[in-house]
């Protein structure tokens, strides 16, 4: 029987990569862990803004392979997870969020 999986989503800034890796490492003893490294984190341009449509597609690819999963998310990653649930494209057993950037979401019309 497969272990329960946890998908880890960071905030908008590339500085969140270390947070994503630390959380994944701390959970991997008990869960299968997966994480998204957002496309703009490795972008050579000045674009330092998450592309929710692109990352939603990546998130859907990850969870399509999982039977049972939860999400641990921070800031913009929490917004991404909630958007995906609202659209009905992911169905995690649970979501644990660390900070929801209400003003960030409001300004972007989310």
PDB file of N, CA and C in Angstrom:
ATOM      1  N   UNK A   1       0.840  -1.183   0.000  1.00  0.00           N
ATOM      2  CA  UNK A   1       0.000   0.000   0.000  1.00  0.00           C
ATOM      3  C   UNK A   1       0.885   1.247   0.000  1.00  0.00           C
ATOM      4  N   UNK A   2       0.576   2.187  -0.871  1.00  0.00           N
ATOM      5  CA  UNK A   2       1.354   3.413  -0.972  1.00  0.00           C
ATOM      6  C   UNK A   2       1.113   4.299   0.254  1.00  0.00           C
ATOM      7  N   UNK A   3       2.158   5.019   0.628  1.00  0.00           N
ATOM      8  CA  UNK A   3       2.016   5.956   1.736  1.00  0.00           C
ATOM      9  C   UNK A   3       1.247   7.182   1.274  1.00  0.00           C
ATOM     10  N   UNK A   4       0.662   7.867   2.228  1.00  0.00           N
ATOM     11  CA  UNK A   4      -0.012   9.126   1.933  1.00  0.00           C
ATOM     12  C   UNK A   4       1.039  10.112   1.427  1.00  0.00           C
ATOM     13  N   UNK A   5       0.680  10.907   0.456  1.00  0.00           N
ATOM     14  CA  UNK A   5       1.604  11.876  -0.139  1.00  0.00           C
ATOM     15  C   UNK A   5       1.291  13.284   0.351  1.00  0.00           C
ATOM     16  N   UNK A   6       2.331  14.104   0.372  1.00  0.00           N
ATOM     17  CA  UNK A   6       2.181  15.520   0.698  1.00  0.00           C
ATOM     18  C   UNK A   6       2.841  16.318  -0.412  1.00  0.00           C
ATOM     19  N   UNK A   7       2.092  17.281  -0.944  1.00  0.00           N
ATOM     20  CA  UNK A   7       2.603  18.183  -1.969  1.00  0.00           C
ATOM     21  C   UNK A   7       2.895  19.506  -1.283  1.00  0.00           C
ATOM     22  N   UNK A   8       4.120  20.000  -1.442  1.00  0.00           N
ATOM     23  CA  UNK A   8       4.560  21.226  -0.776  1.00  0.00           C
ATOM     24  C   UNK A   8       4.636  22.359  -1.803  1.00  0.00           C
ATOM     25  N   UNK A   9       3.958  23.457  -1.485  1.00  0.00           N
ATOM     26  CA  UNK A   9       3.921  24.625  -2.358  1.00  0.00           C
ATOM     27  C   UNK A   9       4.447  25.843  -1.603  1.00  0.00           C
ATOM     28  N   UNK A  10       5.417  26.505  -2.169  1.00  0.00           N
ATOM     29  CA  UNK A  10       5.991  27.688  -1.529  1.00  0.00           C
ATOM     30  C   UNK A  10       5.279  28.967  -1.926  1.00  0.00           C
ATOM     31  N   UNK A  11       5.796  30.068  -1.427  1.00  0.00           N
ATOM     32  CA  UNK A  11       5.282  31.379  -1.781  1.00  0.00           C
ATOM     33  C   UNK A  11       5.852  31.846  -3.106  1.00  0.00           C
ATOM     34  N   UNK A  12       5.560  33.064  -3.484  1.00  0.00           N
ATOM     35  CA  UNK A  12       5.946  33.602  -4.783  1.00  0.00           C
ATOM     36  C   UNK A  12       7.458  33.734  -4.967  1.00  0.00           C
ATOM     37  N   UNK A  13       8.147  34.239  -3.990  1.00  0.00           N
ATOM     38  CA  UNK A  13       9.574  34.545  -4.119  1.00  0.00           C
ATOM     39  C   UNK A  13      10.429  33.280  -4.238  1.00  0.00           C
ATOM     40  N   UNK A  14      11.471  33.373  -5.037  1.00  0.00           N
ATOM     41  CA  UNK A  14      12.404  32.244  -5.167  1.00  0.00           C
ATOM     42  C   UNK A  14      13.105  31.941  -3.845  1.00  0.00           C
ATOM     43  N   UNK A  15      13.060  32.871  -2.915  1.00  0.00           N
ATOM     44  CA  UNK A  15      13.632  32.627  -1.586  1.00  0.00           C
ATOM     45  C   UNK A  15      12.879  31.516  -0.861  1.00  0.00           C
ATOM     46  N   UNK A  16      11.676  31.186  -1.339  1.00  0.00           N
ATOM     47  CA  UNK A  16      10.880  30.118  -0.735  1.00  0.00           C
ATOM     48  C   UNK A  16      11.386  28.726  -1.072  1.00  0.00           C
ATOM     49  N   UNK A  17      12.291  28.624  -2.026  1.00  0.00           N
ATOM     50  CA  UNK A  17      12.798  27.307  -2.411  1.00  0.00           C
ATOM     51  C   UNK A  17      13.420  26.587  -1.224  1.00  0.00           C
ATOM     52  N   UNK A  18      14.164  27.289  -0.405  1.00  0.00           N
ATOM     53  CA  UNK A  18      14.772  26.636   0.760  1.00  0.00           C
ATOM     54  C   UNK A  18      13.698  26.189   1.751  1.00  0.00           C
ATOM     55  N   UNK A  19      12.624  26.956   1.902  1.00  0.00           N
ATOM     56  CA  UNK A  19      11.512  26.562   2.776  1.00  0.00           C
ATOM     57  C   UNK A  19      10.862  25.288   2.246  1.00  0.00           C
ATOM     58  N   UNK A  20      10.596  25.243   0.938  1.00  0.00           N
ATOM     59  CA  UNK A  20       9.985  24.069   0.313  1.00  0.00           C
ATOM     60  C   UNK A  20      10.852  22.839   0.563  1.00  0.00           C
ATOM     61  N   UNK A  21      12.135  22.971   0.369  1.00  0.00           N
ATOM     62  CA  UNK A  21      13.044  21.822   0.560  1.00  0.00           C
ATOM     63  C   UNK A  21      13.112  21.394   2.013  1.00  0.00           C
ATOM     64  N   UNK A  22      13.133  22.344   2.947  1.00  0.00           N
ATOM     65  CA  UNK A  22      13.181  21.998   4.375  1.00  0.00           C
ATOM     66  C   UNK A  22      11.904  21.277   4.801  1.00  0.00           C
ATOM     67  N   UNK A  23      10.764  21.781   4.375  1.00  0.00           N
ATOM     68  CA  UNK A  23       9.486  21.146   4.736  1.00  0.00           C
ATOM     69  C   UNK A  23       9.418  19.746   4.134  1.00  0.00           C
ATOM     70  N   UNK A  24       9.797  19.617   2.883  1.00  0.00           N
ATOM     71  CA  UNK A  24       9.779  18.294   2.235  1.00  0.00           C
ATOM     72  C   UNK A  24      10.667  17.307   2.980  1.00  0.00           C
ATOM     73  N   UNK A  25      11.877  17.747   3.330  1.00  0.00           N
ATOM     74  CA  UNK A  25      12.794  16.858   4.068  1.00  0.00           C
ATOM     75  C   UNK A  25      12.219  16.456   5.417  1.00  0.00           C
ATOM     76  N   UNK A  26      11.575  17.380   6.095  1.00  0.00           N
ATOM     77  CA  UNK A  26      11.050  17.054   7.426  1.00  0.00           C
ATOM     78  C   UNK A  26       9.857  16.096   7.356  1.00  0.00           C
ATOM     79  N   UNK A  27       9.170  16.069   6.219  1.00  0.00           N
ATOM     80  CA  UNK A  27       7.997  15.199   6.083  1.00  0.00           C
ATOM     81  C   UNK A  27       8.291  13.859   5.421  1.00  0.00           C
ATOM     82  N   UNK A  28       9.434  13.737   4.753  1.00  0.00           N
ATOM     83  CA  UNK A  28       9.682  12.545   3.936  1.00  0.00           C
ATOM     84  C   UNK A  28       9.860  11.256   4.734  1.00  0.00           C
ATOM     85  N   UNK A  29      10.073  11.357   6.030  1.00  0.00           N
ATOM     86  CA  UNK A  29      10.170  10.145   6.843  1.00  0.00           C
ATOM     87  C   UNK A  29       8.810   9.444   6.955  1.00  0.00           C
ATOM     88  N   UNK A  30       7.749  10.250   6.925  1.00  0.00           N
ATOM     89  CA  UNK A  30       6.412   9.717   7.137  1.00  0.00           C
ATOM     90  C   UNK A  30       5.515   9.728   5.899  1.00  0.00           C
ATOM     91  N   UNK A  31       5.904  10.484   4.887  1.00  0.00           N
ATOM     92  CA  UNK A  31       5.068  10.646   3.701  1.00  0.00           C
ATOM     93  C   UNK A  31       5.917  10.620   2.439  1.00  0.00           C
ATOM     94  N   UNK A  32       5.268  10.306   1.326  1.00  0.00           N
ATOM     95  CA  UNK A  32       5.900  10.545   0.031  1.00  0.00           C
ATOM     96  C   UNK A  32       5.728  12.038  -0.230  1.00  0.00           C
ATOM     97  N   UNK A  33       6.809  12.731  -0.499  1.00  0.00           N
ATOM     98  CA  UNK A  33       6.715  14.184  -0.663  1.00  0.00           C
ATOM     99  C   UNK A  33       6.991  14.596  -2.105  1.00  0.00           C
ATOM    100  N   UNK A  34       6.267  15.611  -2.523  1.00  0.00           N
ATOM    101  CA  UNK A  34       6.404  16.193  -3.856  1.00  0.00           C
ATOM    102  C   UNK A  34       6.385  17.704  -3.676  1.00  0.00           C
ATOM    103  N   UNK A  35       7.082  18.404  -4.520  1.00  0.00           N
ATOM    104  CA  UNK A  35       7.057  19.860  -4.425  1.00  0.00           C
ATOM    105  C   UNK A  35       7.112  20.473  -5.814  1.00  0.00           C
ATOM    106  N   UNK A  36       6.573  21.668  -5.900  1.00  0.00           N
ATOM    107  CA  UNK A  36       6.673  22.424  -7.137  1.00  0.00           C
ATOM    108  C   UNK A  36       7.765  23.468  -6.974  1.00  0.00           C
ATOM    109  N   UNK A  37       8.639  23.521  -7.943  1.00  0.00           N
ATOM    110  CA  UNK A  37       9.594  24.618  -8.032  1.00  0.00           C
ATOM    111  C   UNK A  37       9.082  25.467  -9.177  1.00  0.00           C
ATOM    112  N   UNK A  38       8.485  26.589  -8.840  1.00  0.00           N
ATOM    113  CA  UNK A  38       7.788  27.402  -9.820  1.00  0.00           C
ATOM    114  C   UNK A  38       8.699  27.808 -10.969  1.00  0.00           C
ATOM    115  N   UNK A  39       8.112  27.874 -12.143  1.00  0.00           N
ATOM    116  CA  UNK A  39       8.865  28.188 -13.353  1.00  0.00           C
ATOM    117  C   UNK A  39       9.614  29.514 -13.254  1.00  0.00           C
ATOM    118  N   UNK A  40       9.027  30.522 -12.656  1.00  0.00           N
ATOM    119  CA  UNK A  40       9.693  31.822 -12.606  1.00  0.00           C
ATOM    120  C   UNK A  40      10.882  31.842 -11.640  1.00  0.00           C
ATOM    121  N   UNK A  41      11.006  30.841 -10.789  1.00  0.00           N
ATOM    122  CA  UNK A  41      12.158  30.786  -9.890  1.00  0.00           C
ATOM    123  C   UNK A  41      13.451  30.573 -10.657  1.00  0.00           C
ATOM    124  N   UNK A  42      13.384  29.911 -11.789  1.00  0.00           N
ATOM    125  CA  UNK A  42      14.605  29.678 -12.579  1.00  0.00           C
ATOM    126  C   UNK A  42      14.628  30.544 -13.834  1.00  0.00           C
ATOM    127  N   UNK A  43      13.666  31.433 -13.962  1.00  0.00           N
ATOM    128  CA  UNK A  43      13.558  32.312 -15.126  1.00  0.00           C
ATOM    129  C   UNK A  43      14.718  33.307 -15.131  1.00  0.00           C
ATOM    130  N   UNK A  44      15.382  33.399 -16.251  1.00  0.00           N
ATOM    131  CA  UNK A  44      16.513  34.325 -16.379  1.00  0.00           C
ATOM    132  C   UNK A  44      16.056  35.769 -16.553  1.00  0.00           C
ATOM    133  N   UNK A  45      14.791  35.970 -16.876  1.00  0.00           N
ATOM    134  CA  UNK A  45      14.298  37.330 -17.074  1.00  0.00           C
ATOM    135  C   UNK A  45      14.012  37.973 -15.716  1.00  0.00           C
ATOM    136  N   UNK A  46      13.474  39.158 -15.773  1.00  0.00           N
ATOM    137  CA  UNK A  46      13.131  39.870 -14.540  1.00  0.00           C
ATOM    138  C   UNK A  46      11.757  39.485 -14.008  1.00  0.00           C
ATOM    139  N   UNK A  47      11.094  38.534 -14.670  1.00  0.00           N
ATOM    140  CA  UNK A  47       9.760  38.133 -14.242  1.00  0.00           C
ATOM    141  C   UNK A  47       9.854  37.354 -12.932  1.00  0.00           C
ATOM    142  N   UNK A  48       9.455  37.977 -11.874  1.00  0.00           N
ATOM    143  CA  UNK A  48       9.500  37.327 -10.569  1.00  0.00           C
ATOM    144  C   UNK A  48       8.099  37.147 -10.008  1.00  0.00           C
ATOM    145  N   UNK A  49       7.151  36.891 -10.899  1.00  0.00           N
ATOM    146  CA  UNK A  49       5.754  36.752 -10.508  1.00  0.00           C
ATOM    147  C   UNK A  49       5.254  35.365 -10.896  1.00  0.00           C
ATOM    148  N   UNK A  50       4.581  34.705  -9.974  1.00  0.00           N
ATOM    149  CA  UNK A  50       4.029  33.392 -10.245  1.00  0.00           C
ATOM    150  C   UNK A  50       2.984  33.484 -11.357  1.00  0.00           C
ATOM    151  N   UNK A  51       3.015  32.534 -12.247  1.00  0.00           N
ATOM    152  CA  UNK A  51       2.007  32.419 -13.299  1.00  0.00           C
ATOM    153  C   UNK A  51       1.049  31.326 -12.823  1.00  0.00           C
ATOM    154  N   UNK A  52      -0.082  31.756 -12.262  1.00  0.00           N
ATOM    155  CA  UNK A  52      -0.999  30.801 -11.640  1.00  0.00           C
ATOM    156  C   UNK A  52      -1.503  29.758 -12.629  1.00  0.00           C
ATOM    157  N   UNK A  53      -1.777  30.151 -13.869  1.00  0.00           N
ATOM    158  CA  UNK A  53      -2.263  29.177 -14.858  1.00  0.00           C
ATOM    159  C   UNK A  53      -1.212  28.111 -15.138  1.00  0.00           C
ATOM    160  N   UNK A  54       0.029  28.537 -15.323  1.00  0.00           N
ATOM    161  CA  UNK A  54       1.112  27.594 -15.615  1.00  0.00           C
ATOM    162  C   UNK A  54       1.356  26.664 -14.424  1.00  0.00           C
ATOM    163  N   UNK A  55       1.380  27.226 -13.217  1.00  0.00           N
ATOM    164  CA  UNK A  55       1.652  26.413 -12.027  1.00  0.00           C
ATOM    165  C   UNK A  55       0.469  25.517 -11.684  1.00  0.00           C
ATOM    166  N   UNK A  56      -0.740  25.961 -12.007  1.00  0.00           N
ATOM    167  CA  UNK A  56      -1.912  25.109 -11.811  1.00  0.00           C
ATOM    168  C   UNK A  56      -1.806  23.863 -12.684  1.00  0.00           C
ATOM    169  N   UNK A  57      -1.356  24.033 -13.914  1.00  0.00           N
ATOM    170  CA  UNK A  57      -1.165  22.883 -14.803  1.00  0.00           C
ATOM    171  C   UNK A  57      -0.102  21.941 -14.245  1.00  0.00           C
ATOM    172  N   UNK A  58       0.975  22.501 -13.708  1.00  0.00           N
ATOM    173  CA  UNK A  58       2.040  21.669 -13.109  1.00  0.00           C
ATOM    174  C   UNK A  58       1.517  20.925 -11.879  1.00  0.00           C
ATOM    175  N   UNK A  59       0.748  21.613 -11.060  1.00  0.00           N
ATOM    176  CA  UNK A  59       0.174  20.981  -9.865  1.00  0.00           C
ATOM    177  C   UNK A  59      -0.757  19.838 -10.261  1.00  0.00           C
ATOM    178  N   UNK A  60      -1.562  20.052 -11.284  1.00  0.00           N
ATOM    179  CA  UNK A  60      -2.471  19.010 -11.748  1.00  0.00           C
ATOM    180  C   UNK A  60      -1.702  17.781 -12.234  1.00  0.00           C
ATOM    181  N   UNK A  61      -0.572  17.996 -12.889  1.00  0.00           N
ATOM    182  CA  UNK A  61       0.259  16.872 -13.341  1.00  0.00           C
ATOM    183  C   UNK A  61       0.771  16.061 -12.160  1.00  0.00           C
ATOM    184  N   UNK A  62       1.216  16.751 -11.120  1.00  0.00           N
ATOM    185  CA  UNK A  62       1.755  16.059  -9.941  1.00  0.00           C
ATOM    186  C   UNK A  62       0.667  15.230  -9.275  1.00  0.00           C
ATOM    187  N   UNK A  63      -0.479  15.830  -8.998  1.00  0.00           N
ATOM    188  CA  UNK A  63      -1.498  15.107  -8.238  1.00  0.00           C
ATOM    189  C   UNK A  63      -2.199  14.036  -9.067  1.00  0.00           C
ATOM    190  N   UNK A  64      -2.121  14.120 -10.380  1.00  0.00           N
ATOM    191  CA  UNK A  64      -2.743  13.098 -11.233  1.00  0.00           C
ATOM    192  C   UNK A  64      -2.143  11.722 -10.988  1.00  0.00           C
ATOM    193  N   UNK A  65      -0.921  11.679 -10.483  1.00  0.00           N
ATOM    194  CA  UNK A  65      -0.241  10.414 -10.237  1.00  0.00           C
ATOM    195  C   UNK A  65      -0.477   9.890  -8.819  1.00  0.00           C
ATOM    196  N   UNK A  66      -1.201  10.652  -8.000  1.00  0.00           N
ATOM    197  CA  UNK A  66      -1.347  10.317  -6.581  1.00  0.00           C
ATOM    198  C   UNK A  66      -2.759   9.862  -6.251  1.00  0.00           C
ATOM    199  N   UNK A  67      -2.857   8.847  -5.404  1.00  0.00           N
ATOM    200  CA  UNK A  67      -4.166   8.371  -4.966  1.00  0.00           C
ATOM    201  C   UNK A  67      -4.683   9.171  -3.771  1.00  0.00           C
ATOM    202  N   UNK A  68      -3.823   9.391  -2.824  1.00  0.00           N
ATOM    203  CA  UNK A  68      -4.206  10.046  -1.578  1.00  0.00           C
ATOM    204  C   UNK A  68      -3.132  11.071  -1.230  1.00  0.00           C
ATOM    205  N   UNK A  69      -3.537  12.328  -1.105  1.00  0.00           N
ATOM    206  CA  UNK A  69      -2.535  13.362  -0.850  1.00  0.00           C
ATOM    207  C   UNK A  69      -3.126  14.530  -0.072  1.00  0.00           C
ATOM    208  N   UNK A  70      -2.230  15.243   0.563  1.00  0.00           N
ATOM    209  CA  UNK A  70      -2.542  16.489   1.247  1.00  0.00           C
ATOM    210  C   UNK A  70      -1.612  17.549   0.692  1.00  0.00           C
ATOM    211  N   UNK A  71      -1.912  18.791   1.002  1.00  0.00           N
ATOM    212  CA  UNK A  71      -1.081  19.899   0.540  1.00  0.00           C
ATOM    213  C   UNK A  71      -0.641  20.718   1.735  1.00  0.00           C
ATOM    214  N   UNK A  72       0.633  21.073   1.747  1.00  0.00           N
ATOM    215  CA  UNK A  72       1.190  22.025   2.702  1.00  0.00           C
ATOM    216  C   UNK A  72       1.655  23.206   1.857  1.00  0.00           C
ATOM    217  N   UNK A  73       1.125  24.395   2.146  1.00  0.00           N
ATOM    218  CA  UNK A  73       1.389  25.530   1.278  1.00  0.00           C
ATOM    219  C   UNK A  73       1.617  26.808   2.073  1.00  0.00           C
ATOM    220  N   UNK A  74       2.390  27.681   1.463  1.00  0.00           N
ATOM    221  CA  UNK A  74       2.727  28.962   2.075  1.00  0.00           C
ATOM    222  C   UNK A  74       2.347  30.082   1.112  1.00  0.00           C
ATOM    223  N   UNK A  75       1.659  31.074   1.592  1.00  0.00           N
ATOM    224  CA  UNK A  75       1.399  32.321   0.883  1.00  0.00           C
ATOM    225  C   UNK A  75       0.801  32.114  -0.512  1.00  0.00           C
ATOM    226  N   UNK A  76       1.505  32.490  -1.573  1.00  0.00           N
ATOM    227  CA  UNK A  76       0.967  32.345  -2.936  1.00  0.00           C
ATOM    228  C   UNK A  76       0.696  30.874  -3.269  1.00  0.00           C
ATOM    229  N   UNK A  77       1.435  29.958  -2.682  1.00  0.00           N
ATOM    230  CA  UNK A  77       1.169  28.537  -2.873  1.00  0.00           C
ATOM    231  C   UNK A  77      -0.163  28.130  -2.270  1.00  0.00           C
ATOM    232  N   UNK A  78      -0.531  28.769  -1.168  1.00  0.00           N
ATOM    233  CA  UNK A  78      -1.824  28.536  -0.541  1.00  0.00           C
ATOM    234  C   UNK A  78      -2.932  29.044  -1.468  1.00  0.00           C
ATOM    235  N   UNK A  79      -2.719  30.212  -2.071  1.00  0.00           N
ATOM    236  CA  UNK A  79      -3.682  30.753  -3.043  1.00  0.00           C
ATOM    237  C   UNK A  79      -3.823  29.781  -4.216  1.00  0.00           C
ATOM    238  N   UNK A  80      -2.697  29.279  -4.725  1.00  0.00           N
ATOM    239  CA  UNK A  80      -2.719  28.317  -5.835  1.00  0.00           C
ATOM    240  C   UNK A  80      -3.535  27.081  -5.471  1.00  0.00           C
ATOM    241  N   UNK A  81      -3.302  26.538  -4.286  1.00  0.00           N
ATOM    242  CA  UNK A  81      -4.030  25.340  -3.851  1.00  0.00           C
ATOM    243  C   UNK A  81      -5.527  25.615  -3.734  1.00  0.00           C
ATOM    244  N   UNK A  82      -5.894  26.745  -3.154  1.00  0.00           N
ATOM    245  CA  UNK A  82      -7.308  27.076  -2.998  1.00  0.00           C
ATOM    246  C   UNK A  82      -7.975  27.319  -4.352  1.00  0.00           C
ATOM    247  N   UNK A  83      -7.257  27.934  -5.290  1.00  0.00           N
ATOM    248  CA  UNK A  83      -7.781  28.128  -6.643  1.00  0.00           C
ATOM    249  C   UNK A  83      -8.061  26.779  -7.298  1.00  0.00           C
ATOM    250  N   UNK A  84      -7.123  25.854  -7.142  1.00  0.00           N
ATOM    251  CA  UNK A  84      -7.260  24.536  -7.757  1.00  0.00           C
ATOM    252  C   UNK A  84      -8.443  23.772  -7.178  1.00  0.00           C
ATOM    253  N   UNK A  85      -8.643  23.869  -5.874  1.00  0.00           N
ATOM    254  CA  UNK A  85      -9.793  23.214  -5.241  1.00  0.00           C
ATOM    255  C   UNK A  85     -11.084  23.874  -5.722  1.00  0.00           C
ATOM    256  N   UNK A  86     -11.110  25.201  -5.762  1.00  0.00           N
ATOM    257  CA  UNK A  86     -12.310  25.925  -6.204  1.00  0.00           C
ATOM    258  C   UNK A  86     -12.685  25.564  -7.640  1.00  0.00           C
ATOM    259  N   UNK A  87     -11.682  25.325  -8.482  1.00  0.00           N
ATOM    260  CA  UNK A  87     -11.936  24.940  -9.872  1.00  0.00           C
ATOM    261  C   UNK A  87     -12.283  23.461 -10.004  1.00  0.00           C
ATOM    262  N   UNK A  88     -12.116  22.711  -8.918  1.00  0.00           N
ATOM    263  CA  UNK A  88     -12.440  21.289  -8.931  1.00  0.00           C
ATOM    264  C   UNK A  88     -11.403  20.427  -9.631  1.00  0.00           C
ATOM    265  N   UNK A  89     -10.172  20.939  -9.767  1.00  0.00           N
ATOM    266  CA  UNK A  89      -9.152  20.175 -10.489  1.00  0.00           C
ATOM    267  C   UNK A  89      -8.224  19.388  -9.562  1.00  0.00           C
ATOM    268  N   UNK A  90      -8.294  19.646  -8.265  1.00  0.00           N
ATOM    269  CA  UNK A  90      -7.579  18.816  -7.299  1.00  0.00           C
ATOM    270  C   UNK A  90      -8.525  18.534  -6.138  1.00  0.00           C
ATOM    271  N   UNK A  91      -8.293  17.391  -5.485  1.00  0.00           N
ATOM    272  CA  UNK A  91      -9.128  17.009  -4.341  1.00  0.00           C
ATOM    273  C   UNK A  91      -8.242  16.444  -3.228  1.00  0.00           C
ATOM    274  N   UNK A  92      -7.487  17.315  -2.576  1.00  0.00           N
ATOM    275  CA  UNK A  92      -6.633  16.835  -1.489  1.00  0.00           C
ATOM    276  C   UNK A  92      -7.469  16.417  -0.283  1.00  0.00           C
ATOM    277  N   UNK A  93      -6.912  15.527   0.518  1.00  0.00           N
ATOM    278  CA  UNK A  93      -7.605  15.151   1.752  1.00  0.00           C
ATOM    279  C   UNK A  93      -7.580  16.302   2.740  1.00  0.00           C
ATOM    280  N   UNK A  94      -6.519  17.104   2.686  1.00  0.00           N
ATOM    281  CA  UNK A  94      -6.418  18.261   3.571  1.00  0.00           C
ATOM    282  C   UNK A  94      -5.451  19.277   2.967  1.00  0.00           C
ATOM    283  N   UNK A  95      -5.577  20.506   3.436  1.00  0.00           N
ATOM    284  CA  UNK A  95      -4.641  21.567   3.075  1.00  0.00           C
ATOM    285  C   UNK A  95      -4.228  22.249   4.364  1.00  0.00           C
ATOM    286  N   UNK A  96      -2.923  22.350   4.563  1.00  0.00           N
ATOM    287  CA  UNK A  96      -2.398  23.119   5.681  1.00  0.00           C
ATOM    288  C   UNK A  96      -1.738  24.350   5.081  1.00  0.00           C
ATOM    289  N   UNK A  97      -2.235  25.519   5.457  1.00  0.00           N
ATOM    290  CA  UNK A  97      -1.722  26.757   4.891  1.00  0.00           C
ATOM    291  C   UNK A  97      -0.983  27.583   5.919  1.00  0.00           C
ATOM    292  N   UNK A  98       0.105  28.178   5.476  1.00  0.00           N
ATOM    293  CA  UNK A  98       0.897  29.069   6.309  1.00  0.00           C
ATOM    294  C   UNK A  98       0.827  30.461   5.702  1.00  0.00           C
ATOM    295  N   UNK A  99      -0.146  31.229   6.128  1.00  0.00           N
ATOM    296  CA  UNK A  99      -0.315  32.594   5.658  1.00  0.00           C
ATOM    297  C   UNK A  99      -1.022  32.672   4.322  1.00  0.00           C
ATOM    298  N   UNK A 100      -2.103  33.394   4.298  1.00  0.00           N
ATOM    299  CA  UNK A 100      -2.792  33.630   3.034  1.00  0.00           C
ATOM    300  C   UNK A 100      -2.691  35.115   2.725  1.00  0.00           C
ATOM    301  N   UNK A 101      -2.101  35.456   1.594  1.00  0.00           N
ATOM    302  CA  UNK A 101      -1.870  36.863   1.250  1.00  0.00           C
ATOM    303  C   UNK A 101      -3.130  37.496   0.638  1.00  0.00           C
ATOM    304  N   UNK A 102      -4.023  37.940   1.484  1.00  0.00           N
ATOM    305  CA  UNK A 102      -5.307  38.445   1.010  1.00  0.00           C
ATOM    306  C   UNK A 102      -5.155  39.636   0.066  1.00  0.00           C
ATOM    307  N   UNK A 103      -4.320  40.592   0.425  1.00  0.00           N
ATOM    308  CA  UNK A 103      -4.140  41.771  -0.432  1.00  0.00           C
ATOM    309  C   UNK A 103      -3.499  41.378  -1.759  1.00  0.00           C
ATOM    310  N   UNK A 104      -2.524  40.492  -1.720  1.00  0.00           N
ATOM    311  CA  UNK A 104      -1.862  39.977  -2.929  1.00  0.00           C
ATOM    312  C   UNK A 104      -2.905  39.379  -3.877  1.00  0.00           C
ATOM    313  N   UNK A 105      -3.802  38.570  -3.332  1.00  0.00           N
ATOM    314  CA  UNK A 105      -4.843  37.924  -4.138  1.00  0.00           C
ATOM    315  C   UNK A 105      -5.859  38.953  -4.638  1.00  0.00           C
ATOM    316  N   UNK A 106      -6.254  39.870  -3.789  1.00  0.00           N
ATOM    317  CA  UNK A 106      -7.239  40.876  -4.170  1.00  0.00           C
ATOM    318  C   UNK A 106      -6.736  41.737  -5.334  1.00  0.00           C
ATOM    319  N   UNK A 107      -5.503  42.193  -5.240  1.00  0.00           N
ATOM    320  CA  UNK A 107      -4.917  43.034  -6.292  1.00  0.00           C
ATOM    321  C   UNK A 107      -4.890  42.297  -7.619  1.00  0.00           C
ATOM    322  N   UNK A 108      -4.702  40.990  -7.603  1.00  0.00           N
ATOM    323  CA  UNK A 108      -4.641  40.187  -8.820  1.00  0.00           C
ATOM    324  C   UNK A 108      -6.000  39.658  -9.266  1.00  0.00           C
ATOM    325  N   UNK A 109      -7.048  40.073  -8.569  1.00  0.00           N
ATOM    326  CA  UNK A 109      -8.389  39.666  -8.963  1.00  0.00           C
ATOM    327  C   UNK A 109      -8.706  38.221  -8.693  1.00  0.00           C
ATOM    328  N   UNK A 110      -8.051  37.645  -7.713  1.00  0.00           N
ATOM    329  CA  UNK A 110      -8.268  36.235  -7.385  1.00  0.00           C
ATOM    330  C   UNK A 110      -9.287  36.144  -6.250  1.00  0.00           C
TER     331      UNK A 110
END
